[in-house]
Amino acid sequence: MNTNESKKMPRQQPPKGYLTSTQVKERLNISGAMIANYVQQGKIKRIVSPGRKHGFYLESDVDKIVNELQTFFNNISEETTNADLENHKNRVN
């Protein structure tokens, strides 16, 4: 074991209701920079334990963004489908 490894603090598990940055990136399919952007905008709450650099992210905030994105893409899909049907009707008539 090298000197740096012996000085590292053990990996901390997120408290109940919070996620790690890796979990947030996976759920939202975004980069760490985008997580920071969401935190800065106040869309995701971040907590950092004393003596730590890395924080945890409120799961309910992340879930809210997931739901907003799903709604957005579902609406686009429906609009596209409706527009395609209308275009088809116009070509047939």
PDB file of N, CA and C in Angstrom:
ATOM      1  N   MET A   1       0.857  -1.170   0.000  1.00  0.00           N
ATOM      2  CA  MET A   1       0.000   0.000   0.000  1.00  0.00           C
ATOM      3  C   MET A   1       0.904   1.233   0.000  1.00  0.00           C
ATOM      4  N   ASN A   2       0.628   2.165  -0.938  1.00  0.00           N
ATOM      5  CA  ASN A   2       1.458   3.363  -0.967  1.00  0.00           C
ATOM      6  C   ASN A   2       0.966   4.374   0.059  1.00  0.00           C
ATOM      7  N   THR A   3       1.726   5.432   0.245  1.00  0.00           N
ATOM      8  CA  THR A   3       1.428   6.426   1.273  1.00  0.00           C
ATOM      9  C   THR A   3       0.098   7.125   1.033  1.00  0.00           C
ATOM     10  N   ASN A   4      -0.229   7.432  -0.236  1.00  0.00           N
ATOM     11  CA  ASN A   4      -1.483   8.108  -0.542  1.00  0.00           C
ATOM     12  C   ASN A   4      -2.695   7.258  -0.187  1.00  0.00           C
ATOM     13  N   GLU A   5      -2.610   5.956  -0.454  1.00  0.00           N
ATOM     14  CA  GLU A   5      -3.738   5.078  -0.161  1.00  0.00           C
ATOM     15  C   GLU A   5      -4.018   4.990   1.333  1.00  0.00           C
ATOM     16  N   SER A   6      -2.961   5.001   2.143  1.00  0.00           N
ATOM     17  CA  SER A   6      -3.158   4.878   3.581  1.00  0.00           C
ATOM     18  C   SER A   6      -3.770   6.137   4.179  1.00  0.00           C
ATOM     19  N   LYS A   7      -3.656   7.285   3.497  1.00  0.00           N
ATOM     20  CA  LYS A   7      -4.204   8.541   4.002  1.00  0.00           C
ATOM     21  C   LYS A   7      -5.639   8.787   3.547  1.00  0.00           C
ATOM     22  N   LYS A   8      -6.112   8.035   2.565  1.00  0.00           N
ATOM     23  CA  LYS A   8      -7.471   8.230   2.068  1.00  0.00           C
ATOM     24  C   LYS A   8      -8.486   7.815   3.116  1.00  0.00           C
ATOM     25  N   MET A   9      -9.563   8.596   3.187  1.00  0.00           N
ATOM     26  CA  MET A   9     -10.663   8.224   4.069  1.00  0.00           C
ATOM     27  C   MET A   9     -11.478   7.143   3.368  1.00  0.00           C
ATOM     28  N   PRO A  10     -12.095   6.258   4.123  1.00  0.00           N
ATOM     29  CA  PRO A  10     -12.904   5.218   3.470  1.00  0.00           C
ATOM     30  C   PRO A  10     -14.081   5.833   2.717  1.00  0.00           C
ATOM     31  N   ARG A  11     -14.484   5.150   1.643  1.00  0.00           N
ATOM     32  CA  ARG A  11     -15.617   5.620   0.842  1.00  0.00           C
ATOM     33  C   ARG A  11     -16.870   5.622   1.710  1.00  0.00           C
ATOM     34  N   GLN A  12     -17.526   6.754   1.708  1.00  0.00           N
ATOM     35  CA  GLN A  12     -18.717   6.922   2.540  1.00  0.00           C
ATOM     36  C   GLN A  12     -19.967   6.607   1.723  1.00  0.00           C
ATOM     37  N   GLN A  13     -20.911   5.915   2.326  1.00  0.00           N
ATOM     38  CA  GLN A  13     -22.176   5.609   1.674  1.00  0.00           C
ATOM     39  C   GLN A  13     -23.113   6.795   1.856  1.00  0.00           C
ATOM     40  N   PRO A  14     -23.954   7.051   0.845  1.00  0.00           N
ATOM     41  CA  PRO A  14     -24.879   8.180   0.982  1.00  0.00           C
ATOM     42  C   PRO A  14     -25.920   7.911   2.060  1.00  0.00           C
ATOM     43  N   PRO A  15     -26.349   8.985   2.736  1.00  0.00           N
ATOM     44  CA  PRO A  15     -27.440   8.813   3.700  1.00  0.00           C
ATOM     45  C   PRO A  15     -28.721   8.413   2.978  1.00  0.00           C
ATOM     46  N   LYS A  16     -29.672   7.891   3.728  1.00  0.00           N
ATOM     47  CA  LYS A  16     -30.964   7.493   3.150  1.00  0.00           C
ATOM     48  C   LYS A  16     -31.585   8.696   2.434  1.00  0.00           C
ATOM     49  N   GLY A  17     -32.025   8.475   1.205  1.00  0.00           N
ATOM     50  CA  GLY A  17     -32.658   9.540   0.434  1.00  0.00           C
ATOM     51  C   GLY A  17     -31.682  10.370  -0.392  1.00  0.00           C
ATOM     52  N   TYR A  18     -30.411   9.990  -0.383  1.00  0.00           N
ATOM     53  CA  TYR A  18     -29.393  10.707  -1.151  1.00  0.00           C
ATOM     54  C   TYR A  18     -28.667   9.742  -2.082  1.00  0.00           C
ATOM     55  N   LEU A  19     -28.075  10.295  -3.139  1.00  0.00           N
ATOM     56  CA  LEU A  19     -27.356   9.513  -4.141  1.00  0.00           C
ATOM     57  C   LEU A  19     -25.925  10.013  -4.286  1.00  0.00           C
ATOM     58  N   THR A  20     -25.056   9.147  -4.782  1.00  0.00           N
ATOM     59  CA  THR A  20     -23.698   9.570  -5.133  1.00  0.00           C
ATOM     60  C   THR A  20     -23.735  10.246  -6.501  1.00  0.00           C
ATOM     61  N   SER A  21     -22.654  10.920  -6.841  1.00  0.00           N
ATOM     62  CA  SER A  21     -22.593  11.562  -8.160  1.00  0.00           C
ATOM     63  C   SER A  21     -22.660  10.521  -9.274  1.00  0.00           C
ATOM     64  N   THR A  22     -22.064   9.365  -9.058  1.00  0.00           N
ATOM     65  CA  THR A  22     -22.111   8.299 -10.068  1.00  0.00           C
ATOM     66  C   THR A  22     -23.554   7.854 -10.302  1.00  0.00           C
ATOM     67  N   GLN A  23     -24.315   7.714  -9.236  1.00  0.00           N
ATOM     68  CA  GLN A  23     -25.720   7.317  -9.374  1.00  0.00           C
ATOM     69  C   GLN A  23     -26.531   8.390 -10.101  1.00  0.00           C
ATOM     70  N   VAL A  24     -26.262   9.663  -9.799  1.00  0.00           N
ATOM     71  CA  VAL A  24     -26.958  10.756 -10.466  1.00  0.00           C
ATOM     72  C   VAL A  24     -26.619  10.758 -11.953  1.00  0.00           C
ATOM     73  N   LYS A  25     -25.338  10.608 -12.266  1.00  0.00           N
ATOM     74  CA  LYS A  25     -24.907  10.578 -13.679  1.00  0.00           C
ATOM     75  C   LYS A  25     -25.605   9.455 -14.434  1.00  0.00           C
ATOM     76  N   GLU A  26     -25.727   8.293 -13.806  1.00  0.00           N
ATOM     77  CA  GLU A  26     -26.375   7.153 -14.457  1.00  0.00           C
ATOM     78  C   GLU A  26     -27.870   7.389 -14.655  1.00  0.00           C
ATOM     79  N   ARG A  27     -28.544   7.927 -13.643  1.00  0.00           N
ATOM     80  CA  ARG A  27     -29.998   8.133 -13.744  1.00  0.00           C
ATOM     81  C   ARG A  27     -30.365   9.184 -14.782  1.00  0.00           C
ATOM     82  N   LEU A  28     -29.540  10.242 -14.855  1.00  0.00           N
ATOM     83  CA  LEU A  28     -29.862  11.340 -15.758  1.00  0.00           C
ATOM     84  C   LEU A  28     -29.065  11.298 -17.065  1.00  0.00           C
ATOM     85  N   ASN A  29     -28.093  10.391 -17.136  1.00  0.00           N
ATOM     86  CA  ASN A  29     -27.218  10.287 -18.309  1.00  0.00           C
ATOM     87  C   ASN A  29     -26.556  11.641 -18.610  1.00  0.00           C
ATOM     88  N   ILE A  30     -25.925  12.199 -17.571  1.00  0.00           N
ATOM     89  CA  ILE A  30     -25.268  13.494 -17.689  1.00  0.00           C
ATOM     90  C   ILE A  30     -23.849  13.428 -17.124  1.00  0.00           C
ATOM     91  N   SER A  31     -23.093  14.499 -17.333  1.00  0.00           N
ATOM     92  CA  SER A  31     -21.721  14.597 -16.841  1.00  0.00           C
ATOM     93  C   SER A  31     -21.700  15.204 -15.438  1.00  0.00           C
ATOM     94  N   GLY A  32     -20.538  15.141 -14.814  1.00  0.00           N
ATOM     95  CA  GLY A  32     -20.357  15.778 -13.519  1.00  0.00           C
ATOM     96  C   GLY A  32     -20.555  17.283 -13.602  1.00  0.00           C
ATOM     97  N   ALA A  33     -20.147  17.868 -14.726  1.00  0.00           N
ATOM     98  CA  ALA A  33     -20.324  19.310 -14.918  1.00  0.00           C
ATOM     99  C   ALA A  33     -21.806  19.674 -14.944  1.00  0.00           C
ATOM    100  N   MET A  34     -22.615  18.821 -15.537  1.00  0.00           N
ATOM    101  CA  MET A  34     -24.046  19.092 -15.596  1.00  0.00           C
ATOM    102  C   MET A  34     -24.676  18.950 -14.211  1.00  0.00           C
ATOM    103  N   ILE A  35     -24.178  18.013 -13.402  1.00  0.00           N
ATOM    104  CA  ILE A  35     -24.661  17.908 -12.017  1.00  0.00           C
ATOM    105  C   ILE A  35     -24.371  19.219 -11.293  1.00  0.00           C
ATOM    106  N   ALA A  36     -23.153  19.720 -11.446  1.00  0.00           N
ATOM    107  CA  ALA A  36     -22.771  20.983 -10.803  1.00  0.00           C
ATOM    108  C   ALA A  36     -23.681  22.122 -11.269  1.00  0.00           C
ATOM    109  N   ASN A  37     -24.046  22.101 -12.541  1.00  0.00           N
ATOM    110  CA  ASN A  37     -24.944  23.113 -13.098  1.00  0.00           C
ATOM    111  C   ASN A  37     -26.316  23.028 -12.416  1.00  0.00           C
ATOM    112  N   TYR A  38     -26.852  21.821 -12.287  1.00  0.00           N
ATOM    113  CA  TYR A  38     -28.143  21.634 -11.616  1.00  0.00           C
ATOM    114  C   TYR A  38     -28.071  22.103 -10.155  1.00  0.00           C
ATOM    115  N   VAL A  39     -26.956  21.808  -9.477  1.00  0.00           N
ATOM    116  CA  VAL A  39     -26.786  22.236  -8.084  1.00  0.00           C
ATOM    117  C   VAL A  39     -26.761  23.764  -8.016  1.00  0.00           C
ATOM    118  N   GLN A  40     -25.998  24.383  -8.916  1.00  0.00           N
ATOM    119  CA  GLN A  40     -25.883  25.840  -8.943  1.00  0.00           C
ATOM    120  C   GLN A  40     -27.242  26.503  -9.215  1.00  0.00           C
ATOM    121  N   GLN A  41     -28.051  25.871 -10.059  1.00  0.00           N
ATOM    122  CA  GLN A  41     -29.381  26.404 -10.380  1.00  0.00           C
ATOM    123  C   GLN A  41     -30.397  26.137  -9.268  1.00  0.00           C
ATOM    124  N   GLY A  42     -30.002  25.340  -8.285  1.00  0.00           N
ATOM    125  CA  GLY A  42     -30.914  25.018  -7.187  1.00  0.00           C
ATOM    126  C   GLY A  42     -31.878  23.893  -7.507  1.00  0.00           C
ATOM    127  N   LYS A  43     -31.625  23.158  -8.584  1.00  0.00           N
ATOM    128  CA  LYS A  43     -32.523  22.070  -8.969  1.00  0.00           C
ATOM    129  C   LYS A  43     -32.223  20.775  -8.223  1.00  0.00           C
ATOM    130  N   ILE A  44     -30.980  20.611  -7.769  1.00  0.00           N
ATOM    131  CA  ILE A  44     -30.597  19.436  -6.987  1.00  0.00           C
ATOM    132  C   ILE A  44     -29.870  19.917  -5.727  1.00  0.00           C
ATOM    133  N   LYS A  45     -30.352  19.479  -4.571  1.00  0.00           N
ATOM    134  CA  LYS A  45     -29.701  19.816  -3.309  1.00  0.00           C
ATOM    135  C   LYS A  45     -28.503  18.898  -3.111  1.00  0.00           C
ATOM    136  N   ARG A  46     -27.379  19.478  -2.663  1.00  0.00           N
ATOM    137  CA  ARG A  46     -26.144  18.735  -2.432  1.00  0.00           C
ATOM    138  C   ARG A  46     -25.717  18.942  -0.987  1.00  0.00           C
ATOM    139  N   ILE A  47     -25.361  17.851  -0.321  1.00  0.00           N
ATOM    140  CA  ILE A  47     -24.805  17.946   1.029  1.00  0.00           C
ATOM    141  C   ILE A  47     -23.393  17.373   0.998  1.00  0.00           C
ATOM    142  N   VAL A  48     -22.518  17.946   1.825  1.00  0.00           N
ATOM    143  CA  VAL A  48     -21.141  17.470   1.929  1.00  0.00           C
ATOM    144  C   VAL A  48     -20.840  17.237   3.404  1.00  0.00           C
ATOM    145  N   SER A  49     -20.380  16.035   3.710  1.00  0.00           N
ATOM    146  CA  SER A  49     -20.024  15.712   5.089  1.00  0.00           C
ATOM    147  C   SER A  49     -18.785  16.505   5.505  1.00  0.00           C
ATOM    148  N   PRO A  50     -18.669  16.848   6.787  1.00  0.00           N
ATOM    149  CA  PRO A  50     -17.479  17.571   7.257  1.00  0.00           C
ATOM    150  C   PRO A  50     -16.199  16.793   6.925  1.00  0.00           C
ATOM    151  N   GLY A  51     -15.203  17.513   6.451  1.00  0.00           N
ATOM    152  CA  GLY A  51     -13.919  16.898   6.128  1.00  0.00           C
ATOM    153  C   GLY A  51     -13.887  16.196   4.780  1.00  0.00           C
ATOM    154  N   ARG A  52     -14.959  16.287   4.014  1.00  0.00           N
ATOM    155  CA  ARG A  52     -15.053  15.628   2.707  1.00  0.00           C
ATOM    156  C   ARG A  52     -15.112  16.652   1.597  1.00  0.00           C
ATOM    157  N   LYS A  53     -14.720  16.213   0.401  1.00  0.00           N
ATOM    158  CA  LYS A  53     -14.820  17.067  -0.787  1.00  0.00           C
ATOM    159  C   LYS A  53     -16.050  16.709  -1.609  1.00  0.00           C
ATOM    160  N   HIS A  54     -16.359  15.431  -1.660  1.00  0.00           N
ATOM    161  CA  HIS A  54     -17.463  14.957  -2.490  1.00  0.00           C
ATOM    162  C   HIS A  54     -18.749  14.904  -1.682  1.00  0.00           C
ATOM    163  N   GLY A  55     -19.827  15.273  -2.343  1.00  0.00           N
ATOM    164  CA  GLY A  55     -21.103  15.323  -1.652  1.00  0.00           C
ATOM    165  C   GLY A  55     -22.077  14.272  -2.127  1.00  0.00           C
ATOM    166  N   PHE A  56     -23.274  14.378  -1.603  1.00  0.00           N
ATOM    167  CA  PHE A  56     -24.374  13.511  -1.980  1.00  0.00           C
ATOM    168  C   PHE A  56     -25.534  14.386  -2.431  1.00  0.00           C
ATOM    169  N   TYR A  57     -26.394  13.813  -3.246  1.00  0.00           N
ATOM    170  CA  TYR A  57     -27.437  14.572  -3.928  1.00  0.00           C
ATOM    171  C   TYR A  57     -28.808  14.033  -3.554  1.00  0.00           C
ATOM    172  N   LEU A  58     -29.730  14.949  -3.284  1.00  0.00           N
ATOM    173  CA  LEU A  58     -31.065  14.574  -2.832  1.00  0.00           C
ATOM    174  C   LEU A  58     -31.791  13.774  -3.914  1.00  0.00           C
ATOM    175  N   GLU A  59     -32.148  12.543  -3.582  1.00  0.00           N
ATOM    176  CA  GLU A  59     -32.756  11.625  -4.545  1.00  0.00           C
ATOM    177  C   GLU A  59     -34.079  12.155  -5.089  1.00  0.00           C
ATOM    178  N   SER A  60     -34.889  12.783  -4.243  1.00  0.00           N
ATOM    179  CA  SER A  60     -36.180  13.281  -4.719  1.00  0.00           C
ATOM    180  C   SER A  60     -36.006  14.390  -5.753  1.00  0.00           C
ATOM    181  N   ASP A  61     -34.944  15.208  -5.632  1.00  0.00           N
ATOM    182  CA  ASP A  61     -34.659  16.230  -6.642  1.00  0.00           C
ATOM    183  C   ASP A  61     -34.282  15.591  -7.975  1.00  0.00           C
ATOM    184  N   VAL A  62     -33.467  14.543  -7.900  1.00  0.00           N
ATOM    185  CA  VAL A  62     -33.052  13.832  -9.114  1.00  0.00           C
ATOM    186  C   VAL A  62     -34.264  13.164  -9.760  1.00  0.00           C
ATOM    187  N   ASP A  63     -35.101  12.529  -8.944  1.00  0.00           N
ATOM    188  CA  ASP A  63     -36.306  11.875  -9.470  1.00  0.00           C
ATOM    189  C   ASP A  63     -37.239  12.883 -10.154  1.00  0.00           C
ATOM    190  N   LYS A  64     -37.327  14.082  -9.590  1.00  0.00           N
ATOM    191  CA  LYS A  64     -38.163  15.123 -10.190  1.00  0.00           C
ATOM    192  C   LYS A  64     -37.651  15.481 -11.590  1.00  0.00           C
ATOM    193  N   ILE A  65     -36.339  15.595 -11.747  1.00  0.00           N
ATOM    194  CA  ILE A  65     -35.759  15.908 -13.058  1.00  0.00           C
ATOM    195  C   ILE A  65     -35.994  14.750 -14.018  1.00  0.00           C
ATOM    196  N   VAL A  66     -35.833  13.517 -13.546  1.00  0.00           N
ATOM    197  CA  VAL A  66     -36.094  12.341 -14.381  1.00  0.00           C
ATOM    198  C   VAL A  66     -37.527  12.391 -14.899  1.00  0.00           C
ATOM    199  N   ASN A  67     -38.483  12.668 -14.016  1.00  0.00           N
ATOM    200  CA  ASN A  67     -39.899  12.730 -14.408  1.00  0.00           C
ATOM    201  C   ASN A  67     -40.157  13.862 -15.397  1.00  0.00           C
ATOM    202  N   GLU A  68     -39.536  15.024 -15.173  1.00  0.00           N
ATOM    203  CA  GLU A  68     -39.698  16.156 -16.096  1.00  0.00           C
ATOM    204  C   GLU A  68     -39.168  15.801 -17.486  1.00  0.00           C
ATOM    205  N   LEU A  69     -38.014  15.145 -17.524  1.00  0.00           N
ATOM    206  CA  LEU A  69     -37.430  14.758 -18.814  1.00  0.00           C
ATOM    207  C   LEU A  69     -38.294  13.713 -19.516  1.00  0.00           C
ATOM    208  N   GLN A  70     -38.803  12.740 -18.758  1.00  0.00           N
ATOM    209  CA  GLN A  70     -39.665  11.719 -19.358  1.00  0.00           C
ATOM    210  C   GLN A  70     -40.929  12.351 -19.929  1.00  0.00           C
ATOM    211  N   THR A  71     -41.525  13.276 -19.192  1.00  0.00           N
ATOM    212  CA  THR A  71     -42.722  13.970 -19.671  1.00  0.00           C
ATOM    213  C   THR A  71     -42.417  14.752 -20.937  1.00  0.00           C
ATOM    214  N   PHE A  72     -41.304  15.466 -20.934  1.00  0.00           N
ATOM    215  CA  PHE A  72     -40.896  16.254 -22.090  1.00  0.00           C
ATOM    216  C   PHE A  72     -40.748  15.379 -23.326  1.00  0.00           C
ATOM    217  N   PHE A  73     -40.000  14.275 -23.187  1.00  0.00           N
ATOM    218  CA  PHE A  73     -39.767  13.413 -24.343  1.00  0.00           C
ATOM    219  C   PHE A  73     -41.030  12.666 -24.773  1.00  0.00           C
ATOM    220  N   ASN A  74     -41.883  12.317 -23.832  1.00  0.00           N
ATOM    221  CA  ASN A  74     -43.159  11.688 -24.195  1.00  0.00           C
ATOM    222  C   ASN A  74     -44.031  12.652 -24.989  1.00  0.00           C
ATOM    223  N   ASN A  75     -44.052  13.927 -24.575  1.00  0.00           N
ATOM    224  CA  ASN A  75     -44.834  14.933 -25.297  1.00  0.00           C
ATOM    225  C   ASN A  75     -44.297  15.155 -26.703  1.00  0.00           C
ATOM    226  N   ILE A  76     -42.988  15.191 -26.836  1.00  0.00           N
ATOM    227  CA  ILE A  76     -42.388  15.352 -28.167  1.00  0.00           C
ATOM    228  C   ILE A  76     -42.749  14.163 -29.043  1.00  0.00           C
ATOM    229  N   SER A  77     -42.685  12.983 -28.472  1.00  0.00           N
ATOM    230  CA  SER A  77     -43.016  11.774 -29.223  1.00  0.00           C
ATOM    231  C   SER A  77     -44.464  11.808 -29.696  1.00  0.00           C
ATOM    232  N   GLU A  78     -45.376  12.220 -28.796  1.00  0.00           N
ATOM    233  CA  GLU A  78     -46.795  12.305 -29.161  1.00  0.00           C
ATOM    234  C   GLU A  78     -47.022  13.367 -30.233  1.00  0.00           C
ATOM    235  N   GLU A  79     -46.368  14.505 -30.096  1.00  0.00           N
ATOM    236  CA  GLU A  79     -46.511  15.578 -31.084  1.00  0.00           C
ATOM    237  C   GLU A  79     -46.001  15.124 -32.446  1.00  0.00           C
ATOM    238  N   THR A  80     -44.871  14.432 -32.431  1.00  0.00           N
ATOM    239  CA  THR A  80     -44.305  13.931 -33.678  1.00  0.00           C
ATOM    240  C   THR A  80     -45.237  12.910 -34.317  1.00  0.00           C
ATOM    241  N   THR A  81     -45.777  12.010 -33.517  1.00  0.00           N
ATOM    242  CA  THR A  81     -46.702  10.999 -34.022  1.00  0.00           C
ATOM    243  C   THR A  81     -47.948  11.654 -34.596  1.00  0.00           C
ATOM    244  N   ASN A  82     -48.498  12.628 -33.877  1.00  0.00           N
ATOM    245  CA  ASN A  82     -49.688  13.329 -34.357  1.00  0.00           C
ATOM    246  C   ASN A  82     -49.398  14.085 -35.648  1.00  0.00           C
ATOM    247  N   ALA A  83     -48.247  14.724 -35.723  1.00  0.00           N
ATOM    248  CA  ALA A  83     -47.871  15.459 -36.940  1.00  0.00           C
ATOM    249  C   ALA A  83     -47.679  14.495 -38.102  1.00  0.00           C
ATOM    250  N   ASP A  84     -47.086  13.343 -37.849  1.00  0.00           N
ATOM    251  CA  ASP A  84     -46.897  12.342 -38.899  1.00  0.00           C
ATOM    252  C   ASP A  84     -48.243  11.846 -39.413  1.00  0.00           C
ATOM    253  N   LEU A  85     -49.197  11.593 -38.494  1.00  0.00           N
ATOM    254  CA  LEU A  85     -50.529  11.143 -38.903  1.00  0.00           C
ATOM    255  C   LEU A  85     -51.231  12.204 -39.732  1.00  0.00           C
ATOM    256  N   GLU A  86     -51.119  13.443 -39.320  1.00  0.00           N
ATOM    257  CA  GLU A  86     -51.757  14.551 -40.062  1.00  0.00           C
ATOM    258  C   GLU A  86     -51.146  14.685 -41.442  1.00  0.00           C
ATOM    259  N   ASN A  87     -49.830  14.598 -41.549  1.00  0.00           N
ATOM    260  CA  ASN A  87     -49.154  14.671 -42.836  1.00  0.00           C
ATOM    261  C   ASN A  87     -49.594  13.519 -43.739  1.00  0.00           C
ATOM    262  N   HIS A  88     -49.729  12.334 -43.166  1.00  0.00           N
ATOM    263  CA  HIS A  88     -50.163  11.174 -43.948  1.00  0.00           C
ATOM    264  C   HIS A  88     -51.585  11.393 -44.468  1.00  0.00           C
ATOM    265  N   LYS A  89     -52.472  11.903 -43.613  1.00  0.00           N
ATOM    266  CA  LYS A  89     -53.843  12.163 -44.014  1.00  0.00           C
ATOM    267  C   LYS A  89     -53.880  13.177 -45.172  1.00  0.00           C
ATOM    268  N   ASN A  90     -53.057  14.211 -45.073  1.00  0.00           N
ATOM    269  CA  ASN A  90     -53.023  15.242 -46.105  1.00  0.00           C
ATOM    270  C   ASN A  90     -52.508  14.684 -47.435  1.00  0.00           C
ATOM    271  N   ARG A  91     -51.553  13.757 -47.389  1.00  0.00           N
ATOM    272  CA  ARG A  91     -51.019  13.176 -48.621  1.00  0.00           C
ATOM    273  C   ARG A  91     -52.040  12.246 -49.265  1.00  0.00           C
ATOM    274  N   VAL A  92     -52.802  11.528 -48.430  1.00  0.00           N
ATOM    275  CA  VAL A  92     -53.785  10.577 -48.938  1.00  0.00           C
ATOM    276  C   VAL A  92     -54.962  11.322 -49.573  1.00  0.00           C
ATOM    277  N   ASN A  93     -55.353  12.426 -48.978  1.00  0.00           N
ATOM    278  CA  ASN A  93     -56.493  13.197 -49.474  1.00  0.00           C
ATOM    279  C   ASN A  93     -56.036  14.067 -50.556  1.00  0.00           C
TER     280      ASN A  93
END
